[in-house]
Amino acid sequence: MVYVAAALISFTIVFASVPPLRMFALRLGFVDRPTSRKIHNKPIPLMGGAAIYAGCVIVMLLFIGLTPLTWTILTGGLLLVTIGMLDDAAKSKGKDFPVWPRVILYLGAALIPAIFHIKIAGITNPLSGFFIPFPEWFSWLASMLWVFALINMINFIDGVDGLASGVSTLSALTMLIISLIKGQSDTAILAVILAGVSFGFLLHNFYPAKIFMGDAGATFLGYTLAVIAVDGAFKKATVITLLVPLLALGLPILDTAYVMLRRLISGKGLHRADKLHTHHILMKWGLNQVQTVSFMYLIAALFALLSIILLLVIG
């Protein structure tokens, strides 16, 4: 029952807080304005990230309390939401926020889990069952790169109404199942809270979106999913079960890999925004926003199912 309660409370907080936040953002002019690169044709409020962060943190502290895991989400998330809101504020004024301050702060946030001893510490030999620890420097580096990558990956797919929030809901539910299978209660509670806030936001964010999560929300969702994976699925994983979190987050990982490869081939900067993402291509093929998002939900669900099957069969 604790998981149901955590999901319902987190869902309710976000679902109920979005309408007043939306009106507040409209009064402030804190909106994402249409450009040639974007697919919406009218200004959309950008304060969804604040509701997502607040809902997650409130319920997390209520059900888990102050632990290394919750301190990690609280501090790293606050850093990302702060820089994300500054980035979103620049967008609302038709300006581009400098890329390097974002990269530096994203890297800083990516170090926070390891500071609280949440890191990819090693791998279990599937034959002997013995745990083989990584060198400390490699453990820190691998953890930081994983978290930094997921921060950006969820942000990258946030280009169509309901895509990032829906995929985050599916990924969080997958992490919930994985954590329950592995008997990791705190990680499972955090995963169900994240699913609750993501779904609560999705109901306002699905086409036609009434509000966007902005960089503040997308980077926080990516960060929290990455931390859940490190604290859960990556913990004492074998060579084979390392694929479990990779499959659970397979859609944003594959989309980012594809876009980065296309940008390298075309000679564009890796940080340059463009229309090379999977959702852009699907829409060029003639799919509308709802069809595009539904198709990508299906792909994300298939990856999630594969990750759970792999854990049950081999893990």
Protein backbone atom coordinates (compact mmCIF):
# COMPACT_ATOMS: atom_id res chain seq x y z
CA MET A 1 0.00 0.00 0.00
CA VAL A 2 2.91 2.36 0.62
CA TYR A 3 3.74 2.38 -3.10
CA VAL A 4 0.14 3.15 -4.06
CA ALA A 5 -0.02 5.97 -1.51
CA ALA A 6 3.28 7.49 -2.70
CA ALA A 7 2.14 7.33 -6.33
CA LEU A 8 -1.27 8.88 -5.61
CA ILE A 9 0.08 11.72 -3.45
CA SER A 10 2.85 12.63 -5.90
CA PHE A 11 0.40 12.48 -8.81
CA THR A 12 -2.13 14.67 -7.00
CA ILE A 13 0.42 17.32 -5.99
CA VAL A 14 1.64 17.81 -9.54
CA PHE A 15 -1.74 17.48 -11.24
CA ALA A 16 -3.30 20.05 -8.87
CA SER A 17 -0.38 22.50 -8.86
CA VAL A 18 0.05 22.81 -12.64
CA PRO A 19 -3.06 24.97 -13.39
CA PRO A 20 -2.15 27.79 -10.94
CA LEU A 21 1.51 27.59 -12.02
CA ARG A 22 0.38 27.85 -15.63
CA MET A 23 -1.62 31.00 -14.92
CA PHE A 24 1.28 32.48 -12.96
CA ALA A 25 3.69 31.78 -15.83
CA LEU A 26 1.33 33.40 -18.34
CA ARG A 27 1.08 36.54 -16.22
CA LEU A 28 4.89 36.72 -15.97
CA GLY A 29 5.39 36.00 -19.66
CA PHE A 30 7.42 32.94 -18.69
CA VAL A 31 6.59 31.09 -21.90
CA ASP A 32 8.22 29.15 -24.72
CA ARG A 33 7.75 31.29 -27.80
CA PRO A 34 7.33 29.73 -31.28
CA THR A 35 10.40 29.66 -33.55
CA SER A 36 11.22 28.03 -36.88
CA ARG A 37 12.70 25.03 -35.03
CA LYS A 38 9.68 24.45 -32.80
CA ILE A 39 6.39 22.83 -33.68
CA HIS A 40 4.01 24.79 -31.45
CA ASN A 41 2.46 27.95 -32.91
CA LYS A 42 1.59 29.90 -29.76
CA PRO A 43 3.42 30.73 -26.49
CA ILE A 44 3.24 27.87 -23.94
CA PRO A 45 3.97 28.34 -20.20
CA LEU A 46 7.32 26.88 -19.09
CA MET A 47 7.03 26.36 -15.32
CA GLY A 48 6.21 22.66 -15.30
CA GLY A 49 9.66 21.76 -13.99
CA ALA A 50 8.95 23.51 -10.69
CA ALA A 51 5.83 21.37 -10.11
CA ILE A 52 7.69 18.16 -11.00
CA TYR A 53 10.58 18.90 -8.64
CA ALA A 54 8.39 20.06 -5.76
CA GLY A 55 6.04 17.07 -6.04
CA CYS A 56 8.91 14.59 -6.13
CA VAL A 57 10.83 16.14 -3.23
CA ILE A 58 7.82 16.59 -0.91
CA VAL A 59 6.63 13.00 -1.28
CA MET A 60 10.17 11.60 -1.22
CA LEU A 61 10.88 13.27 2.13
CA LEU A 62 7.49 12.18 3.45
CA PHE A 63 7.96 8.49 2.61
CA ILE A 64 11.76 8.02 2.77
CA GLY A 65 13.09 10.87 4.92
CA LEU A 66 16.61 12.25 4.74
CA THR A 67 18.95 9.57 3.42
CA PRO A 68 21.93 9.65 1.01
CA LEU A 69 19.47 8.84 -1.79
CA THR A 70 17.09 11.68 -0.96
CA TRP A 71 19.92 14.14 -0.33
CA THR A 72 21.21 13.26 -3.81
CA ILE A 73 17.86 14.03 -5.45
CA LEU A 74 17.26 17.11 -3.30
CA THR A 75 20.63 18.80 -3.97
CA GLY A 76 21.38 17.67 -7.50
CA GLY A 77 17.80 18.27 -8.54
CA LEU A 78 17.77 21.77 -7.07
CA LEU A 79 20.94 22.63 -9.00
CA LEU A 80 19.44 21.40 -12.26
CA VAL A 81 16.05 23.04 -11.73
CA THR A 82 17.74 26.35 -10.92
CA ILE A 83 19.94 26.41 -14.03
CA GLY A 84 17.00 25.04 -16.04
CA MET A 85 14.72 27.87 -14.90
CA LEU A 86 17.39 30.41 -15.87
CA ASP A 87 17.63 28.76 -19.29
CA ASP A 88 13.84 28.77 -19.61
CA ALA A 89 13.71 32.44 -18.56
CA ALA A 90 16.13 33.28 -21.37
CA LYS A 91 13.93 31.36 -23.84
CA SER A 92 10.89 33.33 -22.69
CA LYS A 93 12.72 36.52 -23.70
CA GLY A 94 13.74 35.11 -27.07
CA LYS A 95 17.37 34.68 -26.03
CA ASP A 96 19.74 31.71 -26.00
CA PHE A 97 21.28 30.79 -22.66
CA PRO A 98 25.07 30.15 -22.95
CA VAL A 99 25.87 26.45 -23.34
CA TRP A 100 29.01 26.24 -21.18
CA PRO A 101 27.47 27.33 -17.86
CA ARG A 102 24.85 24.63 -18.41
CA VAL A 103 27.45 21.97 -19.21
CA ILE A 104 29.54 22.87 -16.16
CA LEU A 105 26.55 22.76 -13.81
CA TYR A 106 25.26 19.54 -15.38
CA LEU A 107 28.68 17.99 -14.70
CA GLY A 108 28.54 19.33 -11.15
CA ALA A 109 25.14 17.75 -10.63
CA ALA A 110 26.40 14.49 -12.14
CA LEU A 111 29.09 14.31 -9.44
CA ILE A 112 26.63 14.62 -6.56
CA PRO A 113 25.43 10.97 -6.51
CA ALA A 114 29.00 9.70 -6.10
CA ILE A 115 29.59 12.23 -3.29
CA PHE A 116 26.69 10.54 -1.45
CA HIS A 117 28.19 7.10 -2.28
CA ILE A 118 25.66 6.31 -5.01
CA LYS A 119 27.92 5.11 -7.78
CA ILE A 120 28.61 2.22 -10.15
CA ALA A 121 30.93 0.44 -7.74
CA GLY A 122 31.74 -2.75 -9.62
CA ILE A 123 30.38 -5.84 -11.28
CA THR A 124 29.45 -9.34 -10.12
CA ASN A 125 31.12 -12.32 -11.77
CA PRO A 126 28.16 -14.39 -13.06
CA LEU A 127 30.12 -17.66 -12.74
CA SER A 128 31.57 -17.33 -9.24
CA GLY A 129 29.10 -14.84 -7.78
CA PHE A 130 31.98 -12.75 -6.42
CA PHE A 131 31.74 -8.97 -6.56
CA ILE A 132 34.61 -7.32 -8.46
CA PRO A 133 35.01 -3.67 -7.41
CA PHE A 134 36.04 -1.02 -9.90
CA PRO A 135 38.96 1.30 -9.12
CA GLU A 136 37.63 4.33 -7.26
CA TRP A 137 38.49 6.76 -10.07
CA PHE A 138 36.69 4.58 -12.64
CA SER A 139 33.65 4.21 -10.40
CA TRP A 140 33.34 8.00 -10.06
CA LEU A 141 33.94 8.58 -13.78
CA ALA A 142 31.46 5.93 -14.96
CA SER A 143 28.78 7.17 -12.57
CA MET A 144 29.29 10.80 -13.54
CA LEU A 145 29.16 10.06 -17.29
CA TRP A 146 26.01 7.97 -16.89
CA VAL A 147 24.18 10.67 -14.93
CA PHE A 148 25.39 13.46 -17.23
CA ALA A 149 24.23 11.47 -20.27
CA LEU A 150 20.73 10.84 -18.90
CA ILE A 151 20.33 14.49 -17.88
CA ASN A 152 20.80 15.43 -21.52
CA MET A 153 18.99 12.48 -23.09
CA ILE A 154 15.61 13.19 -21.52
CA ASN A 155 16.08 16.86 -22.36
CA PHE A 156 16.79 15.95 -25.99
CA ILE A 157 13.54 14.00 -26.46
CA ASP A 158 11.43 16.79 -24.95
CA GLY A 159 10.40 18.11 -28.35
CA VAL A 160 6.83 16.86 -28.83
CA ASP A 161 3.85 17.28 -26.49
CA GLY A 162 3.83 14.51 -23.89
CA LEU A 163 6.92 12.65 -25.10
CA ALA A 164 9.41 13.26 -22.27
CA SER A 165 6.79 13.03 -19.52
CA GLY A 166 5.28 9.85 -20.99
CA VAL A 167 8.61 8.11 -21.57
CA SER A 168 9.71 9.11 -18.06
CA THR A 169 6.53 7.57 -16.66
CA LEU A 170 7.20 4.29 -18.49
CA SER A 171 10.89 4.27 -17.50
CA ALA A 172 10.09 5.02 -13.85
CA LEU A 173 7.52 2.20 -13.74
CA THR A 174 10.12 -0.13 -15.24
CA MET A 175 12.64 0.93 -12.60
CA LEU A 176 9.95 0.32 -9.97
CA ILE A 177 9.49 -3.28 -11.12
CA ILE A 178 13.26 -3.83 -11.31
CA SER A 179 13.74 -2.42 -7.80
CA LEU A 180 10.94 -4.60 -6.40
CA ILE A 181 12.46 -7.70 -8.01
CA LYS A 182 15.82 -6.82 -6.47
CA GLY A 183 14.26 -6.02 -3.07
CA GLN A 184 15.36 -2.36 -3.01
CA SER A 185 12.54 -0.60 -1.18
CA ASP A 186 13.80 3.01 -1.08
CA THR A 187 14.72 2.93 -4.76
CA ALA A 188 11.30 1.45 -5.55
CA ILE A 189 9.53 4.22 -3.61
CA LEU A 190 11.51 6.90 -5.43
CA ALA A 191 10.70 5.24 -8.76
CA VAL A 192 6.95 5.15 -8.04
CA ILE A 193 7.05 8.79 -6.91
CA LEU A 194 8.76 9.75 -10.15
CA ALA A 195 6.13 7.81 -12.10
CA GLY A 196 3.41 9.67 -10.17
CA VAL A 197 4.80 13.16 -10.83
CA SER A 198 5.54 12.35 -14.48
CA PHE A 199 2.02 11.03 -15.10
CA GLY A 200 0.43 13.91 -13.20
CA PHE A 201 2.29 16.31 -15.46
CA LEU A 202 1.60 14.26 -18.60
CA LEU A 203 -2.15 14.86 -18.29
CA HIS A 204 -1.48 18.59 -18.74
CA ASN A 205 1.35 18.09 -21.23
CA PHE A 206 -0.19 15.68 -23.75
CA TYR A 207 -1.23 17.19 -27.09
CA PRO A 208 -2.32 19.93 -27.17
CA ALA A 209 0.01 20.81 -24.30
CA LYS A 210 -1.18 23.42 -21.81
CA ILE A 211 2.28 23.67 -20.20
CA PHE A 212 5.87 22.58 -20.88
CA MET A 213 8.31 21.16 -18.33
CA GLY A 214 11.17 23.16 -19.86
CA ASP A 215 14.82 22.33 -19.34
CA ALA A 216 14.20 22.49 -15.57
CA GLY A 217 11.80 19.56 -15.66
CA ALA A 218 13.46 17.47 -18.36
CA THR A 219 16.94 17.59 -16.80
CA PHE A 220 15.50 16.76 -13.36
CA LEU A 221 13.64 13.75 -14.74
CA GLY A 222 16.77 12.52 -16.53
CA TYR A 223 18.87 13.03 -13.40
CA THR A 224 16.45 11.18 -11.13
CA LEU A 225 16.08 8.25 -13.56
CA ALA A 226 19.87 8.00 -13.75
CA VAL A 227 20.23 8.00 -9.95
CA ILE A 228 17.51 5.35 -9.58
CA ALA A 229 19.35 3.16 -12.10
CA VAL A 230 22.71 3.54 -10.31
CA ASP A 231 21.19 2.90 -6.88
CA GLY A 232 19.12 0.00 -8.17
CA ALA A 233 19.67 -1.83 -11.45
CA PHE A 234 23.42 -1.16 -11.68
CA LYS A 235 24.04 -2.29 -8.09
CA LYS A 236 26.00 -5.59 -8.16
CA ALA A 237 24.99 -6.17 -11.79
CA THR A 238 26.61 -8.88 -13.87
CA VAL A 239 27.99 -8.37 -17.37
CA ILE A 240 24.65 -9.43 -18.86
CA THR A 241 22.34 -7.59 -16.45
CA LEU A 242 24.18 -4.35 -17.14
CA LEU A 243 21.85 -4.33 -20.14
CA VAL A 244 18.80 -4.04 -17.86
CA PRO A 245 19.01 -0.28 -17.15
CA LEU A 246 20.23 0.35 -20.69
CA LEU A 247 17.13 -1.34 -22.08
CA ALA A 248 14.84 0.32 -19.53
CA LEU A 249 16.04 3.68 -20.85
CA GLY A 250 16.57 2.42 -24.38
CA LEU A 251 14.47 4.99 -26.26
CA PRO A 252 16.28 8.17 -25.10
CA ILE A 253 19.64 6.37 -25.35
CA LEU A 254 19.09 5.27 -28.94
CA ASP A 255 17.59 8.60 -29.98
CA THR A 256 20.58 10.49 -28.57
CA ALA A 257 23.11 8.11 -30.15
CA TYR A 258 21.40 8.51 -33.53
CA VAL A 259 21.29 12.31 -33.31
CA MET A 260 24.92 12.60 -32.17
CA LEU A 261 26.06 10.39 -35.05
CA ARG A 262 24.07 12.45 -37.57
CA ARG A 263 25.52 15.68 -36.18
CA LEU A 264 29.06 14.32 -36.40
CA ILE A 265 28.55 13.18 -39.99
CA SER A 266 27.04 16.53 -41.00
CA GLY A 267 29.82 18.47 -39.21
CA LYS A 268 27.43 20.30 -36.88
CA GLY A 269 28.23 21.06 -33.26
CA LEU A 270 27.01 18.32 -30.92
CA HIS A 271 25.20 20.87 -28.76
CA ARG A 272 23.43 22.59 -31.67
CA ALA A 273 19.65 22.19 -31.60
CA ASP A 274 18.19 20.76 -34.80
CA LYS A 275 15.39 18.60 -36.20
CA LEU A 276 17.29 15.31 -36.41
CA HIS A 277 15.53 13.59 -33.51
CA THR A 278 13.35 10.54 -34.07
CA HIS A 279 10.14 12.44 -33.33
CA HIS A 280 11.03 15.09 -35.93
CA ILE A 281 11.67 12.40 -38.56
CA LEU A 282 8.40 10.61 -37.80
CA MET A 283 6.50 13.86 -38.23
CA LYS A 284 8.30 14.53 -41.52
CA TRP A 285 7.02 11.12 -42.65
CA GLY A 286 3.48 12.37 -42.09
CA LEU A 287 2.61 11.29 -38.56
CA ASN A 288 0.87 13.88 -36.39
CA GLN A 289 1.94 14.63 -32.82
CA VAL A 290 -0.36 12.09 -31.18
CA GLN A 291 0.65 9.33 -33.61
CA THR A 292 4.33 10.16 -33.18
CA VAL A 293 4.18 10.11 -29.39
CA SER A 294 2.07 6.93 -29.33
CA PHE A 295 4.55 5.15 -31.58
CA MET A 296 7.46 6.20 -29.38
CA TYR A 297 5.56 5.12 -26.25
CA LEU A 298 5.23 1.70 -27.85
CA ILE A 299 8.97 1.50 -28.53
CA ALA A 300 9.74 2.61 -24.96
CA ALA A 301 7.32 -0.02 -23.59
CA LEU A 302 8.96 -2.76 -25.66
CA PHE A 303 12.39 -1.78 -24.33
CA ALA A 304 10.96 -1.80 -20.80
CA LEU A 305 9.47 -5.27 -21.27
CA LEU A 306 12.77 -6.60 -22.62
CA SER A 307 14.65 -5.23 -19.63
CA ILE A 308 12.28 -6.90 -17.15
CA ILE A 309 12.37 -10.23 -19.03
CA LEU A 310 16.17 -10.11 -19.10
CA LEU A 311 16.32 -9.50 -15.34
CA LEU A 312 13.86 -12.33 -14.62
CA VAL A 313 15.59 -14.83 -16.91
CA ILE A 314 19.26 -14.05 -16.23
CA GLY A 315 19.41 -11.80 -13.17
